[in-house]
Amino acid sequence: MGSRGLASDLAWRLARDAEAVCRAYLSSGRRQGNYWVVGDVHNAPGRSMHVRLRGSESGKRAAGKWTDEATGEFGDLLDVIQHSCGLSAFRDVADEARRFLSLPRPAPSITQRDRPAASGSPSAAHRLFAMAKPLGGTLAEQYLRHRDIVLSARERALRFHPNCYYRDFATGEMVALPALIAAITDLDGLLTGVQRTWLEPDGYGKALVAAPRRSMGNVLGNGIRLGFEPGVAIPVMAAGEGLETMASLRTVFPTLPVVAATSANHLAATTFPPGCERLYIAADADAAGRHGIERLSRRAGEAGVVALVLRPQLGDFNEDLRRLGPNHLAAWLQEQFVPEDVRIHLPCA
């Protein structure tokens, strides 16, 4: 059975028990007469999306069909599973639908013609980032503020998904959780991947799962860039491993372009924009971080870029920000920056 035939079959099976599907994947809504009413297909609270619970076998009035009056979007219950769980590849959507319906997985097909974008590919990352919402006013922004990170509302690299699909690789268990979605881009601003940070429902910490942070797509040499504008010269920048570390630097130096490389190995492979003269490298207190810093410093020197290492007082710069405060962190960093960069990037310096 091709992907179209499989999709039709699964959508029909789901529609036979449309209310149960809605209760499982659109739990923020409620039943009103013959419809399930919710905010949107991502399971946000509200009343603009209506799912038909009973109807004909096919057509617009079929059970399982939905319409969002606010956006004009429409679809079936497979779309509900895709968006509410934050899935991108059809294979993953079909697997989740089979799990809900208690159906066995089919034998592998020998044809590759209908193969969707591979899970974890740049295409899958593009789809997930497109489905996510702007950061402002979301649980992800609350998570960052709880860590005393304050970023401009114009930061386009960070988004929020209320129901991002998480798979426990040890048990195979799948669950939808809220997540901070960070774009991983190259020097031209092209999205090559995303990093997902799954969050607690109250936004006060990372989700209690085995791996609350994972990246997908092409990461090596790329990173989460804050304050970068394609085509704009970047003579001075900072790089480090973690998003919270680099966002903490940008909280106190709000005009300094920074890139989070997502790991020590990826930090060592960070690429420099043309015309870069000075690179500040944010250190963390671990051995892997030190190796990444040494390799990146060596590469910077070979490229004619001056590399300067920034040292935190505690474990990392986010811990400094939370425990010592932004003014203390700014003063500590001011001693490590070139005076010219302090005047440009530190407010009221």
Protein backbone atom coordinates (compact mmCIF):
# COMPACT_ATOMS: atom_id res chain seq x y z
CA MET A 1 0.00 0.00 0.00
CA GLY A 2 1.41 3.40 -1.00
CA SER A 3 1.64 6.31 1.41
CA ARG A 4 -1.59 7.84 0.05
CA GLY A 5 -3.55 4.61 0.47
CA LEU A 6 -2.10 4.06 3.93
CA ALA A 7 -2.95 7.63 4.96
CA SER A 8 -6.55 7.23 3.79
CA ASP A 9 -6.92 3.94 5.64
CA LEU A 10 -5.49 5.29 8.90
CA ALA A 11 -7.56 8.49 8.68
CA TRP A 12 -10.73 6.39 8.17
CA ARG A 13 -9.90 4.18 11.16
CA LEU A 14 -9.21 7.20 13.36
CA ALA A 15 -12.45 8.90 12.27
CA ARG A 16 -14.47 5.92 13.51
CA ASP A 17 -13.48 6.96 17.04
CA ALA A 18 -12.95 10.67 16.48
CA GLU A 19 -13.86 11.78 19.99
CA ALA A 20 -11.29 9.44 21.56
CA VAL A 21 -8.63 10.81 19.20
CA CYS A 22 -9.53 14.36 20.18
CA ARG A 23 -9.44 13.56 23.89
CA ALA A 24 -5.97 12.06 23.46
CA TYR A 25 -4.36 14.65 21.16
CA LEU A 26 -6.47 17.80 21.64
CA SER A 27 -6.90 17.59 25.39
CA SER A 28 -7.14 21.38 25.77
CA GLY A 29 -10.54 21.32 24.03
CA ARG A 30 -13.98 19.95 24.86
CA ARG A 31 -17.01 18.50 23.16
CA GLN A 32 -19.81 20.80 22.04
CA GLY A 33 -22.64 18.92 20.36
CA ASN A 34 -21.31 17.12 17.30
CA TYR A 35 -17.93 18.90 17.42
CA TRP A 36 -14.72 18.96 19.42
CA VAL A 37 -13.75 22.60 19.98
CA VAL A 38 -10.16 23.68 20.68
CA GLY A 39 -7.81 26.60 19.96
CA ASP A 40 -5.79 25.12 17.12
CA VAL A 41 -4.29 21.94 15.74
CA HIS A 42 -1.32 22.31 18.12
CA ASN A 43 -3.73 21.79 21.09
CA ALA A 44 -3.76 25.39 22.26
CA PRO A 45 -6.74 26.45 24.41
CA GLY A 46 -9.46 28.31 22.54
CA ARG A 47 -12.50 27.92 20.33
CA SER A 48 -11.49 28.57 16.73
CA MET A 49 -10.88 24.96 15.62
CA HIS A 50 -13.82 22.55 15.18
CA VAL A 51 -13.45 18.79 14.64
CA ARG A 52 -16.52 16.92 13.35
CA LEU A 53 -17.14 13.89 15.58
CA ARG A 54 -19.82 12.22 13.45
CA GLY A 55 -20.64 12.46 9.77
CA SER A 56 -20.53 10.84 6.36
CA GLU A 57 -17.92 8.33 5.17
CA SER A 58 -16.15 10.91 3.01
CA GLY A 59 -16.19 14.53 1.93
CA LYS A 60 -16.15 17.77 3.90
CA ARG A 61 -18.84 16.55 6.30
CA ALA A 62 -17.02 13.32 7.17
CA ALA A 63 -16.20 12.48 10.77
CA GLY A 64 -12.67 13.54 11.72
CA LYS A 65 -12.55 16.53 9.38
CA TRP A 66 -11.60 19.81 11.03
CA THR A 67 -11.42 23.49 10.20
CA ASP A 68 -9.69 26.35 11.99
CA GLU A 69 -11.85 29.44 11.48
CA ALA A 70 -9.07 31.78 12.57
CA THR A 71 -6.46 30.59 10.07
CA GLY A 72 -8.51 28.87 7.37
CA GLU A 73 -6.53 25.64 7.89
CA PHE A 74 -8.31 22.30 7.58
CA GLY A 75 -7.46 18.60 7.57
CA ASP A 76 -8.15 15.20 9.07
CA LEU A 77 -7.16 13.36 12.24
CA LEU A 78 -3.77 12.34 10.86
CA ASP A 79 -2.98 16.05 10.63
CA VAL A 80 -4.09 16.41 14.25
CA ILE A 81 -1.62 13.71 15.32
CA GLN A 82 1.16 15.24 13.23
CA HIS A 83 0.84 18.78 14.55
CA SER A 84 -0.11 18.07 18.16
CA CYS A 85 2.83 15.66 18.55
CA GLY A 86 5.28 17.83 16.60
CA LEU A 87 6.00 15.12 14.02
CA SER A 88 7.32 15.79 10.53
CA ALA A 89 7.95 12.49 8.70
CA PHE A 90 4.85 10.58 7.56
CA ARG A 91 6.42 7.38 8.86
CA ASP A 92 6.39 8.74 12.41
CA VAL A 93 2.81 10.01 12.05
CA ALA A 94 1.67 6.60 10.81
CA ASP A 95 3.51 4.83 13.64
CA GLU A 96 1.82 7.06 16.22
CA ALA A 97 -1.59 6.46 14.61
CA ARG A 98 -1.00 2.69 14.66
CA ARG A 99 0.03 2.89 18.30
CA PHE A 100 -3.20 4.70 19.15
CA LEU A 101 -5.26 2.20 17.13
CA SER A 102 -3.30 -0.79 18.53
CA LEU A 103 -2.38 -1.87 14.99
CA PRO A 104 0.82 -3.80 14.17
CA ARG A 105 3.50 -2.17 12.06
CA PRO A 106 3.56 -3.43 8.44
CA ALA A 107 6.42 -5.44 6.99
CA PRO A 108 9.11 -3.23 5.40
CA SER A 109 8.39 -2.36 1.77
CA ILE A 110 10.99 -2.94 -0.92
CA THR A 111 9.98 0.20 -2.80
CA GLN A 112 11.58 3.51 -1.86
CA ARG A 113 9.41 5.71 -4.10
CA ASP A 114 7.14 6.98 -1.33
CA ARG A 115 9.84 7.45 1.28
CA PRO A 116 9.24 10.71 3.22
CA ALA A 117 11.89 13.03 4.55
CA ALA A 118 14.02 11.01 6.95
CA SER A 119 13.43 11.59 10.63
CA GLY A 120 16.12 13.93 11.90
CA SER A 121 16.92 15.31 8.44
CA PRO A 122 17.18 19.03 7.59
CA SER A 123 13.79 18.73 5.86
CA ALA A 124 12.23 17.37 9.04
CA ALA A 125 13.89 20.20 10.99
CA HIS A 126 12.42 22.76 8.58
CA ARG A 127 8.94 21.37 9.09
CA LEU A 128 9.20 21.32 12.87
CA PHE A 129 10.51 24.90 13.02
CA ALA A 130 7.73 26.05 10.70
CA MET A 131 5.11 24.44 12.97
CA ALA A 132 6.49 26.13 16.09
CA LYS A 133 5.24 29.47 17.41
CA PRO A 134 7.13 32.74 18.01
CA LEU A 135 8.76 32.82 21.44
CA GLY A 136 6.94 35.83 22.96
CA GLY A 137 4.36 35.03 25.63
CA THR A 138 4.99 31.26 25.53
CA LEU A 139 6.08 28.65 28.04
CA ALA A 140 9.53 28.67 26.41
CA GLU A 141 9.95 32.37 27.13
CA GLN A 142 8.88 31.67 30.72
CA TYR A 143 11.53 28.94 30.94
CA LEU A 144 14.24 31.36 29.79
CA ARG A 145 13.06 34.11 32.14
CA HIS A 146 13.12 31.63 35.03
CA ARG A 147 16.82 31.28 34.19
CA ASP A 148 17.07 35.12 34.21
CA ILE A 149 17.62 35.16 30.44
CA VAL A 150 16.02 38.19 28.76
CA LEU A 151 16.22 38.41 24.98
CA SER A 152 14.82 40.82 22.44
CA ALA A 153 11.40 40.01 21.02
CA ARG A 154 13.07 40.25 17.60
CA GLU A 155 15.12 37.07 18.17
CA ARG A 156 13.89 34.86 15.35
CA ALA A 157 16.05 31.83 16.14
CA LEU A 158 13.94 30.68 19.10
CA ARG A 159 10.38 29.33 18.97
CA PHE A 160 7.98 27.23 21.03
CA HIS A 161 6.06 24.05 20.28
CA PRO A 162 3.38 23.07 22.84
CA ASN A 163 3.36 19.37 21.91
CA CYS A 164 6.71 18.29 20.52
CA TYR A 165 7.13 14.55 20.00
CA TYR A 166 9.66 12.84 22.35
CA ARG A 167 10.79 9.24 21.97
CA ASP A 168 12.56 7.34 24.76
CA PHE A 169 15.12 5.32 22.82
CA ALA A 170 15.49 2.78 25.64
CA THR A 171 11.81 1.91 26.02
CA GLY A 172 10.34 3.10 22.74
CA GLU A 173 7.76 5.12 24.68
CA MET A 174 6.44 8.20 22.88
CA VAL A 175 5.01 11.31 24.50
CA ALA A 176 4.20 14.87 23.45
CA LEU A 177 5.77 17.59 25.62
CA PRO A 178 6.19 21.37 25.36
CA ALA A 179 9.56 22.33 23.90
CA LEU A 180 11.83 25.26 23.19
CA ILE A 181 12.78 25.00 19.50
CA ALA A 182 16.05 26.66 18.44
CA ALA A 183 17.05 27.10 14.80
CA ILE A 184 20.49 25.82 13.81
CA THR A 185 21.74 27.83 10.84
CA ASP A 186 24.80 28.29 8.66
CA LEU A 187 26.62 31.57 8.01
CA ASP A 188 24.13 32.52 5.29
CA GLY A 189 21.21 32.15 7.69
CA LEU A 190 20.00 28.91 6.07
CA LEU A 191 18.29 26.61 8.56
CA THR A 192 20.16 23.29 8.65
CA GLY A 193 18.66 21.79 11.82
CA VAL A 194 16.95 22.49 15.13
CA GLN A 195 17.62 21.84 18.78
CA ARG A 196 14.68 20.75 20.93
CA THR A 197 14.66 21.39 24.69
CA TRP A 198 11.68 19.62 26.24
CA LEU A 199 10.17 21.49 29.18
CA GLU A 200 8.16 20.82 32.31
CA PRO A 201 4.47 21.78 31.87
CA ASP A 202 4.92 24.75 34.25
CA GLY A 203 7.94 26.07 32.33
CA TYR A 204 10.23 26.11 35.37
CA GLY A 205 12.72 23.57 34.12
CA LYS A 206 13.58 20.90 31.60
CA ALA A 207 11.29 17.89 31.29
CA LEU A 208 12.11 14.91 33.50
CA VAL A 209 13.09 12.61 30.65
CA ALA A 210 16.29 10.75 29.88
CA ALA A 211 17.49 13.24 27.24
CA PRO A 212 15.64 16.57 27.58
CA ARG A 213 17.72 18.15 24.80
CA ARG A 214 18.35 16.79 21.33
CA SER A 215 19.44 18.22 17.98
CA MET A 216 18.38 17.13 14.50
CA GLY A 217 19.64 18.03 11.03
CA ASN A 218 23.12 19.13 9.95
CA VAL A 219 24.79 20.58 13.05
CA LEU A 220 28.54 20.34 12.42
CA GLY A 221 29.99 23.78 11.69
CA ASN A 222 26.62 25.42 12.26
CA GLY A 223 24.90 26.65 15.41
CA ILE A 224 22.13 28.54 17.16
CA ARG A 225 22.85 32.14 16.17
CA LEU A 226 21.55 35.09 18.17
CA GLY A 227 22.12 38.59 16.82
CA PHE A 228 23.35 37.52 13.38
CA GLU A 229 21.99 39.15 10.23
CA PRO A 230 22.82 37.55 6.88
CA GLY A 231 25.01 39.85 4.82
CA VAL A 232 25.95 42.05 7.79
CA ALA A 233 29.63 42.11 8.78
CA ILE A 234 30.41 40.49 12.14
CA PRO A 235 33.87 41.71 13.23
CA VAL A 236 33.38 40.54 16.84
CA MET A 237 31.38 37.53 18.06
CA ALA A 238 31.21 34.97 20.85
CA ALA A 239 30.82 31.20 20.69
CA GLY A 240 30.15 28.50 23.26
CA GLU A 241 28.50 25.13 23.79
CA GLY A 242 25.09 25.64 25.36
CA LEU A 243 22.15 27.83 24.39
CA GLU A 244 21.59 29.05 27.97
CA THR A 245 25.28 29.94 28.32
CA MET A 246 25.32 32.05 25.17
CA ALA A 247 21.88 33.57 25.82
CA SER A 248 23.17 34.63 29.25
CA LEU A 249 26.06 36.49 27.59
CA ARG A 250 23.62 38.17 25.25
CA THR A 251 21.42 39.14 28.20
CA VAL A 252 24.20 41.37 29.58
CA PHE A 253 25.81 42.23 26.21
CA PRO A 254 22.61 42.59 24.15
CA THR A 255 24.23 43.67 20.87
CA LEU A 256 26.99 41.04 20.85
CA PRO A 257 26.37 38.34 18.18
CA VAL A 258 26.68 34.89 19.77
CA VAL A 259 26.47 31.31 18.53
CA ALA A 260 25.71 28.18 20.58
CA ALA A 261 27.35 25.14 18.99
CA THR A 262 25.26 22.55 21.00
CA SER A 263 28.28 20.41 22.09
CA ALA A 264 32.03 20.59 22.71
CA ASN A 265 32.83 18.73 19.47
CA HIS A 266 30.61 21.03 17.47
CA LEU A 267 32.13 24.05 19.20
CA ALA A 268 35.54 23.07 17.84
CA ALA A 269 34.06 23.11 14.31
CA THR A 270 32.38 26.54 14.58
CA THR A 271 32.74 28.56 11.38
CA PHE A 272 33.72 32.23 11.36
CA PRO A 273 31.93 34.83 9.23
CA PRO A 274 34.03 36.68 6.62
CA GLY A 275 35.72 39.69 8.19
CA CYS A 276 35.63 38.31 11.72
CA GLU A 277 38.53 39.79 13.69
CA ARG A 278 37.90 38.76 17.27
CA LEU A 279 36.24 35.65 18.76
CA TYR A 280 35.29 35.31 22.42
CA ILE A 281 34.93 31.68 23.49
CA ALA A 282 32.71 31.01 26.51
CA ALA A 283 34.24 28.37 28.76
CA ASP A 284 32.40 25.75 30.80
CA ALA A 285 33.90 23.91 33.74
CA ASP A 286 34.36 20.48 32.14
CA ALA A 287 37.12 18.59 30.35
CA ALA A 288 35.22 18.18 27.06
CA GLY A 289 34.66 21.92 26.97
CA ARG A 290 38.36 22.60 27.43
CA HIS A 291 39.25 20.37 24.47
CA GLY A 292 36.67 22.14 22.31
CA ILE A 293 38.05 25.54 23.30
CA GLU A 294 41.63 24.51 22.51
CA ARG A 295 40.72 23.21 19.06
CA LEU A 296 38.57 26.23 18.23
CA SER A 297 41.29 28.63 19.40
CA ARG A 298 43.80 26.87 17.17
CA ARG A 299 41.48 27.05 14.15
CA ALA A 300 40.78 30.72 14.84
CA GLY A 301 44.50 31.51 14.93
CA GLU A 302 45.04 29.71 11.63
CA ALA A 303 42.24 31.84 10.12
CA GLY A 304 43.75 35.08 11.42
CA VAL A 305 41.03 35.54 14.07
CA VAL A 306 42.07 36.57 17.60
CA ALA A 307 40.54 34.13 20.10
CA LEU A 308 39.93 35.19 23.72
CA VAL A 309 38.52 32.81 26.34
CA LEU A 310 35.85 34.06 28.77
CA ARG A 311 35.87 32.35 32.17
CA PRO A 312 32.80 32.14 34.46
CA GLN A 313 33.10 32.49 38.21
CA LEU A 314 30.90 29.45 38.87
CA GLY A 315 30.07 26.47 36.65
CA ASP A 316 28.88 28.40 33.61
CA PHE A 317 27.61 31.86 32.67
CA ASN A 318 23.97 31.04 33.27
CA GLU A 319 24.81 29.98 36.81
CA ASP A 320 26.70 33.26 37.22
CA LEU A 321 23.69 35.18 35.88
CA ARG A 322 21.18 33.44 38.18
CA ARG A 323 23.22 33.35 41.38
CA LEU A 324 25.30 36.53 41.12
CA GLY A 325 23.00 38.74 39.04
CA PRO A 326 23.35 40.53 35.69
CA ASN A 327 25.27 43.54 37.05
CA HIS A 328 27.87 41.32 38.70
CA LEU A 329 28.20 39.19 35.55
CA ALA A 330 28.57 42.28 33.37
CA ALA A 331 31.31 43.65 35.63
CA TRP A 332 33.09 40.27 35.66
CA LEU A 333 32.99 40.02 31.87
CA GLN A 334 34.01 43.66 31.39
CA GLU A 335 37.42 42.78 32.82
CA GLN A 336 37.84 40.05 30.17
CA PHE A 337 36.66 42.00 27.11
CA VAL A 338 38.73 44.30 24.94
CA PRO A 339 37.78 47.88 26.06
CA GLU A 340 36.58 48.81 22.58
CA ASP A 341 34.10 45.90 22.62
CA VAL A 342 32.84 46.90 26.07
CA ARG A 343 32.04 50.39 24.81
CA ILE A 344 30.14 49.02 21.82
CA HIS A 345 28.25 46.09 23.35
CA LEU A 346 27.78 46.80 27.06
CA PRO A 347 24.90 49.23 27.80
CA CYS A 348 25.97 52.39 29.64
CA ALA A 349 29.60 51.27 29.68
